[in-house]
Amino acid sequence: LMKSDVHKDNNRMEYLRGKLQSQNGGIYVEIHDNQYSHMLSSFASADCLVVFPKEQTLMAKDSKVQIKLLPWSAL
């Protein structure tokens, strides 16, 4: 589930760096602020990538999303 709303202004698929958190009996993903390709610190602290489909412009808070776990993820 998304921890907060995320918007985009383009028509392409994106993979957003995120951090999984357990909250209120569910698993939430928080999207890192720095998504630019040169921001490696947000990649190093991420444990998943969130798939943001090209036809979508909003991933709303509490909505289900598809994630790809990164190899160093604890899950």
PDB file of N, CA and C in Angstrom:
ATOM      1  N   LEU A   1       0.840  -1.185   0.000  1.00  0.00           N
ATOM      2  CA  LEU A   1       0.000   0.000   0.000  1.00  0.00           C
ATOM      3  C   LEU A   1       0.884   1.247   0.000  1.00  0.00           C
ATOM      4  N   MET A   2       0.427   2.262  -0.680  1.00  0.00           N
ATOM      5  CA  MET A   2       1.170   3.528  -0.716  1.00  0.00           C
ATOM      6  C   MET A   2       0.983   4.283   0.593  1.00  0.00           C
ATOM      7  N   LYS A   3       2.061   4.835   1.106  1.00  0.00           N
ATOM      8  CA  LYS A   3       1.987   5.617   2.338  1.00  0.00           C
ATOM      9  C   LYS A   3       1.463   7.030   2.072  1.00  0.00           C
ATOM     10  N   SER A   4       1.678   7.553   0.864  1.00  0.00           N
ATOM     11  CA  SER A   4       1.183   8.883   0.499  1.00  0.00           C
ATOM     12  C   SER A   4       0.958   8.930  -1.006  1.00  0.00           C
ATOM     13  N   ASP A   5       0.283   9.987  -1.470  1.00  0.00           N
ATOM     14  CA  ASP A   5       0.055  10.176  -2.901  1.00  0.00           C
ATOM     15  C   ASP A   5       1.366  10.451  -3.630  1.00  0.00           C
ATOM     16  N   VAL A   6       1.467   9.932  -4.847  1.00  0.00           N
ATOM     17  CA  VAL A   6       2.610  10.224  -5.718  1.00  0.00           C
ATOM     18  C   VAL A   6       2.061  10.559  -7.100  1.00  0.00           C
ATOM     19  N   HIS A   7       2.519  11.660  -7.669  1.00  0.00           N
ATOM     20  CA  HIS A   7       2.083  12.126  -8.983  1.00  0.00           C
ATOM     21  C   HIS A   7       3.247  12.103  -9.969  1.00  0.00           C
ATOM     22  N   LYS A   8       2.907  12.017 -11.245  1.00  0.00           N
ATOM     23  CA  LYS A   8       3.901  12.208 -12.296  1.00  0.00           C
ATOM     24  C   LYS A   8       3.241  12.925 -13.461  1.00  0.00           C
ATOM     25  N   ASP A   9       4.059  13.615 -14.253  1.00  0.00           N
ATOM     26  CA  ASP A   9       3.557  14.438 -15.350  1.00  0.00           C
ATOM     27  C   ASP A   9       3.920  13.900 -16.727  1.00  0.00           C
ATOM     28  N   ASN A  10       4.386  12.658 -16.793  1.00  0.00           N
ATOM     29  CA  ASN A  10       4.790  12.135 -18.096  1.00  0.00           C
ATOM     30  C   ASN A  10       4.007  10.875 -18.430  1.00  0.00           C
ATOM     31  N   ASN A  11       4.194  10.379 -19.626  1.00  0.00           N
ATOM     32  CA  ASN A  11       3.485   9.203 -20.099  1.00  0.00           C
ATOM     33  C   ASN A  11       4.477   8.058 -20.339  1.00  0.00           C
ATOM     34  N   ARG A  12       5.247   7.730 -19.314  1.00  0.00           N
ATOM     35  CA  ARG A  12       6.192   6.616 -19.428  1.00  0.00           C
ATOM     36  C   ARG A  12       6.181   5.799 -18.136  1.00  0.00           C
ATOM     37  N   MET A  13       6.557   4.546 -18.254  1.00  0.00           N
ATOM     38  CA  MET A  13       6.650   3.695 -17.075  1.00  0.00           C
ATOM     39  C   MET A  13       7.862   4.131 -16.254  1.00  0.00           C
ATOM     40  N   GLU A  14       7.701   4.147 -14.943  1.00  0.00           N
ATOM     41  CA  GLU A  14       8.806   4.502 -14.063  1.00  0.00           C
ATOM     42  C   GLU A  14       8.915   3.477 -12.944  1.00  0.00           C
ATOM     43  N   TYR A  15      10.108   3.342 -12.437  1.00  0.00           N
ATOM     44  CA  TYR A  15      10.377   2.526 -11.255  1.00  0.00           C
ATOM     45  C   TYR A  15      10.876   3.478 -10.181  1.00  0.00           C
ATOM     46  N   LEU A  16      10.110   3.627  -9.121  1.00  0.00           N
ATOM     47  CA  LEU A  16      10.454   4.558  -8.051  1.00  0.00           C
ATOM     48  C   LEU A  16      11.100   3.812  -6.893  1.00  0.00           C
ATOM     49  N   ARG A  17      12.144   4.394  -6.339  1.00  0.00           N
ATOM     50  CA  ARG A  17      12.821   3.792  -5.193  1.00  0.00           C
ATOM     51  C   ARG A  17      11.988   4.001  -3.939  1.00  0.00           C
ATOM     52  N   GLY A  18      11.809   2.928  -3.192  1.00  0.00           N
ATOM     53  CA  GLY A  18      10.975   3.007  -1.999  1.00  0.00           C
ATOM     54  C   GLY A  18      11.516   2.216  -0.831  1.00  0.00           C
ATOM     55  N   LYS A  19      10.910   2.449   0.304  1.00  0.00           N
ATOM     56  CA  LYS A  19      11.272   1.782   1.554  1.00  0.00           C
ATOM     57  C   LYS A  19      10.006   1.176   2.141  1.00  0.00           C
ATOM     58  N   LEU A  20      10.025  -0.117   2.419  1.00  0.00           N
ATOM     59  CA  LEU A  20       8.879  -0.806   2.996  1.00  0.00           C
ATOM     60  C   LEU A  20       8.826  -0.577   4.496  1.00  0.00           C
ATOM     61  N   GLN A  21       7.596  -0.416   5.012  1.00  0.00           N
ATOM     62  CA  GLN A  21       7.388  -0.190   6.438  1.00  0.00           C
ATOM     63  C   GLN A  21       6.152  -0.951   6.882  1.00  0.00           C
ATOM     64  N   SER A  22       6.222  -1.507   8.077  1.00  0.00           N
ATOM     65  CA  SER A  22       5.065  -2.154   8.678  1.00  0.00           C
ATOM     66  C   SER A  22       4.324  -1.111   9.503  1.00  0.00           C
ATOM     67  N   GLN A  23       3.017  -0.972   9.246  1.00  0.00           N
ATOM     68  CA  GLN A  23       2.247   0.054   9.941  1.00  0.00           C
ATOM     69  C   GLN A  23       0.785  -0.387  10.024  1.00  0.00           C
ATOM     70  N   ASN A  24       0.210  -0.329  11.205  1.00  0.00           N
ATOM     71  CA  ASN A  24      -1.213  -0.653  11.413  1.00  0.00           C
ATOM     72  C   ASN A  24      -1.596  -2.012  10.837  1.00  0.00           C
ATOM     73  N   GLY A  25      -0.738  -2.995  10.977  1.00  0.00           N
ATOM     74  CA  GLY A  25      -1.025  -4.337  10.491  1.00  0.00           C
ATOM     75  C   GLY A  25      -0.866  -4.530   8.999  1.00  0.00           C
ATOM     76  N   GLY A  26      -0.365  -3.525   8.287  1.00  0.00           N
ATOM     77  CA  GLY A  26      -0.159  -3.640   6.844  1.00  0.00           C
ATOM     78  C   GLY A  26       1.258  -3.277   6.465  1.00  0.00           C
ATOM     79  N   ILE A  27       1.613  -3.549   5.227  1.00  0.00           N
ATOM     80  CA  ILE A  27       2.917  -3.181   4.695  1.00  0.00           C
ATOM     81  C   ILE A  27       2.721  -1.982   3.777  1.00  0.00           C
ATOM     82  N   TYR A  28       3.411  -0.905   4.089  1.00  0.00           N
ATOM     83  CA  TYR A  28       3.326   0.329   3.306  1.00  0.00           C
ATOM     84  C   TYR A  28       4.666   0.601   2.649  1.00  0.00           C
ATOM     85  N   VAL A  29       4.619   1.288   1.526  1.00  0.00           N
ATOM     86  CA  VAL A  29       5.852   1.693   0.859  1.00  0.00           C
ATOM     87  C   VAL A  29       5.902   3.218   0.847  1.00  0.00           C
ATOM     88  N   GLU A  30       7.037   3.725   1.292  1.00  0.00           N
ATOM     89  CA  GLU A  30       7.277   5.167   1.262  1.00  0.00           C
ATOM     90  C   GLU A  30       8.249   5.452   0.129  1.00  0.00           C
ATOM     91  N   ILE A  31       7.877   6.360  -0.751  1.00  0.00           N
ATOM     92  CA  ILE A  31       8.704   6.707  -1.900  1.00  0.00           C
ATOM     93  C   ILE A  31       9.750   7.722  -1.470  1.00  0.00           C
ATOM     94  N   HIS A  32      11.010   7.475  -1.843  1.00  0.00           N
ATOM     95  CA  HIS A  32      12.091   8.421  -1.543  1.00  0.00           C
ATOM     96  C   HIS A  32      11.894   9.716  -2.332  1.00  0.00           C
ATOM     97  N   ASP A  33      12.298  10.822  -1.739  1.00  0.00           N
ATOM     98  CA  ASP A  33      12.170  12.121  -2.392  1.00  0.00           C
ATOM     99  C   ASP A  33      13.065  12.252  -3.617  1.00  0.00           C
ATOM    100  N   ASN A  34      14.285  11.793  -3.532  1.00  0.00           N
ATOM    101  CA  ASN A  34      15.279  11.998  -4.593  1.00  0.00           C
ATOM    102  C   ASN A  34      15.275  10.827  -5.567  1.00  0.00           C
ATOM    103  N   GLN A  35      14.534  10.969  -6.662  1.00  0.00           N
ATOM    104  CA  GLN A  35      14.405   9.905  -7.655  1.00  0.00           C
ATOM    105  C   GLN A  35      15.312  10.101  -8.863  1.00  0.00           C
ATOM    106  N   TYR A  36      16.081  11.170  -8.903  1.00  0.00           N
ATOM    107  CA  TYR A  36      16.970  11.423 -10.041  1.00  0.00           C
ATOM    108  C   TYR A  36      18.039  10.339 -10.140  1.00  0.00           C
ATOM    109  N   SER A  37      18.444  10.010 -11.344  1.00  0.00           N
ATOM    110  CA  SER A  37      19.380   8.903 -11.564  1.00  0.00           C
ATOM    111  C   SER A  37      20.728   9.113 -10.884  1.00  0.00           C
ATOM    112  N   HIS A  38      21.140  10.348 -10.668  1.00  0.00           N
ATOM    113  CA  HIS A  38      22.434  10.598 -10.026  1.00  0.00           C
ATOM    114  C   HIS A  38      22.356  10.556  -8.499  1.00  0.00           C
ATOM    115  N   MET A  39      21.182  10.355  -7.929  1.00  0.00           N
ATOM    116  CA  MET A  39      21.007  10.325  -6.470  1.00  0.00           C
ATOM    117  C   MET A  39      21.130   8.889  -5.974  1.00  0.00           C
ATOM    118  N   LEU A  40      22.335   8.436  -5.814  1.00  0.00           N
ATOM    119  CA  LEU A  40      22.563   7.043  -5.431  1.00  0.00           C
ATOM    120  C   LEU A  40      22.235   6.757  -3.973  1.00  0.00           C
ATOM    121  N   SER A  41      22.218   7.776  -3.123  1.00  0.00           N
ATOM    122  CA  SER A  41      21.901   7.530  -1.713  1.00  0.00           C
ATOM    123  C   SER A  41      20.476   7.024  -1.553  1.00  0.00           C
ATOM    124  N   SER A  42      19.539   7.513  -2.373  1.00  0.00           N
ATOM    125  CA  SER A  42      18.164   7.022  -2.262  1.00  0.00           C
ATOM    126  C   SER A  42      18.067   5.583  -2.772  1.00  0.00           C
ATOM    127  N   PHE A  43      18.886   5.207  -3.717  1.00  0.00           N
ATOM    128  CA  PHE A  43      18.905   3.820  -4.198  1.00  0.00           C
ATOM    129  C   PHE A  43      19.510   2.900  -3.149  1.00  0.00           C
ATOM    130  N   ALA A  44      20.578   3.350  -2.504  1.00  0.00           N
ATOM    131  CA  ALA A  44      21.258   2.529  -1.506  1.00  0.00           C
ATOM    132  C   ALA A  44      20.371   2.266  -0.290  1.00  0.00           C
ATOM    133  N   SER A  45      19.513   3.211   0.067  1.00  0.00           N
ATOM    134  CA  SER A  45      18.652   3.024   1.239  1.00  0.00           C
ATOM    135  C   SER A  45      17.298   2.406   0.884  1.00  0.00           C
ATOM    136  N   ALA A  46      17.023   2.211  -0.394  1.00  0.00           N
ATOM    137  CA  ALA A  46      15.755   1.597  -0.819  1.00  0.00           C
ATOM    138  C   ALA A  46      15.822   0.084  -0.652  1.00  0.00           C
ATOM    139  N   ASP A  47      14.669  -0.530  -0.419  1.00  0.00           N
ATOM    140  CA  ASP A  47      14.619  -1.988  -0.408  1.00  0.00           C
ATOM    141  C   ASP A  47      13.650  -2.537  -1.459  1.00  0.00           C
ATOM    142  N   CYS A  48      13.040  -1.615  -2.240  1.00  0.00           N
ATOM    143  CA  CYS A  48      12.154  -2.056  -3.311  1.00  0.00           C
ATOM    144  C   CYS A  48      12.057  -0.984  -4.388  1.00  0.00           C
ATOM    145  N   LEU A  49      11.576  -1.407  -5.545  1.00  0.00           N
ATOM    146  CA  LEU A  49      11.220  -0.495  -6.625  1.00  0.00           C
ATOM    147  C   LEU A  49       9.713  -0.599  -6.813  1.00  0.00           C
ATOM    148  N   VAL A  50       9.047   0.538  -6.913  1.00  0.00           N
ATOM    149  CA  VAL A  50       7.603   0.580  -7.113  1.00  0.00           C
ATOM    150  C   VAL A  50       7.338   0.826  -8.594  1.00  0.00           C
ATOM    151  N   VAL A  51       6.530  -0.020  -9.194  1.00  0.00           N
ATOM    152  CA  VAL A  51       6.194   0.107 -10.610  1.00  0.00           C
ATOM    153  C   VAL A  51       5.099   1.160 -10.754  1.00  0.00           C
ATOM    154  N   PHE A  52       5.403   2.208 -11.523  1.00  0.00           N
ATOM    155  CA  PHE A  52       4.449   3.285 -11.789  1.00  0.00           C
ATOM    156  C   PHE A  52       4.085   3.178 -13.271  1.00  0.00           C
ATOM    157  N   PRO A  53       2.937   2.546 -13.600  1.00  0.00           N
ATOM    158  CA  PRO A  53       2.577   2.295 -14.992  1.00  0.00           C
ATOM    159  C   PRO A  53       2.490   3.567 -15.831  1.00  0.00           C
ATOM    160  N   LYS A  54       2.769   3.438 -17.119  1.00  0.00           N
ATOM    161  CA  LYS A  54       2.816   4.617 -17.989  1.00  0.00           C
ATOM    162  C   LYS A  54       1.466   5.286 -18.153  1.00  0.00           C
ATOM    163  N   GLU A  55       0.374   4.533 -18.082  1.00  0.00           N
ATOM    164  CA  GLU A  55      -0.952   5.125 -18.273  1.00  0.00           C
ATOM    165  C   GLU A  55      -1.503   5.804 -17.013  1.00  0.00           C
ATOM    166  N   GLN A  56      -0.784   5.713 -15.930  1.00  0.00           N
ATOM    167  CA  GLN A  56      -1.214   6.286 -14.660  1.00  0.00           C
ATOM    168  C   GLN A  56      -0.475   7.582 -14.374  1.00  0.00           C
ATOM    169  N   THR A  57      -1.147   8.560 -13.774  1.00  0.00           N
ATOM    170  CA  THR A  57      -0.488   9.802 -13.359  1.00  0.00           C
ATOM    171  C   THR A  57      -0.525   9.989 -11.855  1.00  0.00           C
ATOM    172  N   LEU A  58      -1.276   9.119 -11.146  1.00  0.00           N
ATOM    173  CA  LEU A  58      -1.398   9.211  -9.692  1.00  0.00           C
ATOM    174  C   LEU A  58      -1.405   7.822  -9.090  1.00  0.00           C
ATOM    175  N   MET A  59      -0.617   7.656  -8.047  1.00  0.00           N
ATOM    176  CA  MET A  59      -0.721   6.489  -7.179  1.00  0.00           C
ATOM    177  C   MET A  59      -1.184   7.053  -5.840  1.00  0.00           C
ATOM    178  N   ALA A  60      -2.425   6.771  -5.491  1.00  0.00           N
ATOM    179  CA  ALA A  60      -3.053   7.380  -4.326  1.00  0.00           C
ATOM    180  C   ALA A  60      -2.658   6.681  -3.027  1.00  0.00           C
ATOM    181  N   LYS A  61      -2.667   7.448  -1.958  1.00  0.00           N
ATOM    182  CA  LYS A  61      -2.408   6.921  -0.613  1.00  0.00           C
ATOM    183  C   LYS A  61      -3.342   5.740  -0.362  1.00  0.00           C
ATOM    184  N   ASP A  62      -2.804   4.694   0.245  1.00  0.00           N
ATOM    185  CA  ASP A  62      -3.516   3.461   0.602  1.00  0.00           C
ATOM    186  C   ASP A  62      -3.885   2.589  -0.593  1.00  0.00           C
ATOM    187  N   SER A  63      -3.449   2.945  -1.810  1.00  0.00           N
ATOM    188  CA  SER A  63      -3.723   2.088  -2.968  1.00  0.00           C
ATOM    189  C   SER A  63      -2.683   0.980  -3.046  1.00  0.00           C
ATOM    190  N   LYS A  64      -3.085  -0.158  -3.609  1.00  0.00           N
ATOM    191  CA  LYS A  64      -2.164  -1.271  -3.813  1.00  0.00           C
ATOM    192  C   LYS A  64      -1.275  -0.969  -5.006  1.00  0.00           C
ATOM    193  N   VAL A  65      -0.002  -1.326  -4.879  1.00  0.00           N
ATOM    194  CA  VAL A  65       0.949  -1.109  -5.961  1.00  0.00           C
ATOM    195  C   VAL A  65       1.797  -2.353  -6.157  1.00  0.00           C
ATOM    196  N   GLN A  66       2.359  -2.469  -7.338  1.00  0.00           N
ATOM    197  CA  GLN A  66       3.270  -3.569  -7.643  1.00  0.00           C
ATOM    198  C   GLN A  66       4.676  -3.139  -7.265  1.00  0.00           C
ATOM    199  N   ILE A  67       5.402  -4.012  -6.554  1.00  0.00           N
ATOM    200  CA  ILE A  67       6.780  -3.707  -6.183  1.00  0.00           C
ATOM    201  C   ILE A  67       7.704  -4.807  -6.663  1.00  0.00           C
ATOM    202  N   LYS A  68       8.967  -4.459  -6.800  1.00  0.00           N
ATOM    203  CA  LYS A  68      10.046  -5.406  -7.088  1.00  0.00           C
ATOM    204  C   LYS A  68      11.021  -5.301  -5.923  1.00  0.00           C
ATOM    205  N   LEU A  69      11.175  -6.375  -5.165  1.00  0.00           N
ATOM    206  CA  LEU A  69      12.116  -6.349  -4.044  1.00  0.00           C
ATOM    207  C   LEU A  69      13.540  -6.307  -4.568  1.00  0.00           C
ATOM    208  N   LEU A  70      14.370  -5.518  -3.934  1.00  0.00           N
ATOM    209  CA  LEU A  70      15.786  -5.452  -4.282  1.00  0.00           C
ATOM    210  C   LEU A  70      16.526  -6.567  -3.549  1.00  0.00           C
ATOM    211  N   PRO A  71      17.625  -7.067  -4.090  1.00  0.00           N
ATOM    212  CA  PRO A  71      18.318  -8.220  -3.519  1.00  0.00           C
ATOM    213  C   PRO A  71      18.702  -8.060  -2.051  1.00  0.00           C
ATOM    214  N   TRP A  72      18.947  -6.849  -1.608  1.00  0.00           N
ATOM    215  CA  TRP A  72      19.361  -6.629  -0.229  1.00  0.00           C
ATOM    216  C   TRP A  72      18.177  -6.382   0.713  1.00  0.00           C
ATOM    217  N   SER A  73      16.964  -6.557   0.219  1.00  0.00           N
ATOM    218  CA  SER A  73      15.774  -6.364   1.037  1.00  0.00           C
ATOM    219  C   SER A  73      15.713  -7.408   2.157  1.00  0.00           C
ATOM    220  N   ALA A  74      15.202  -7.012   3.306  1.00  0.00           N
ATOM    221  CA  ALA A  74      15.072  -7.929   4.450  1.00  0.00           C
ATOM    222  C   ALA A  74      13.865  -8.853   4.305  1.00  0.00           C
ATOM    223  N   LEU A  75      12.957  -8.571   3.374  1.00  0.00           N
ATOM    224  CA  LEU A  75      11.749  -9.401   3.216  1.00  0.00           C
ATOM    225  C   LEU A  75      11.999 -10.582   2.317  1.00  0.00           C
TER     226      LEU A  75
END
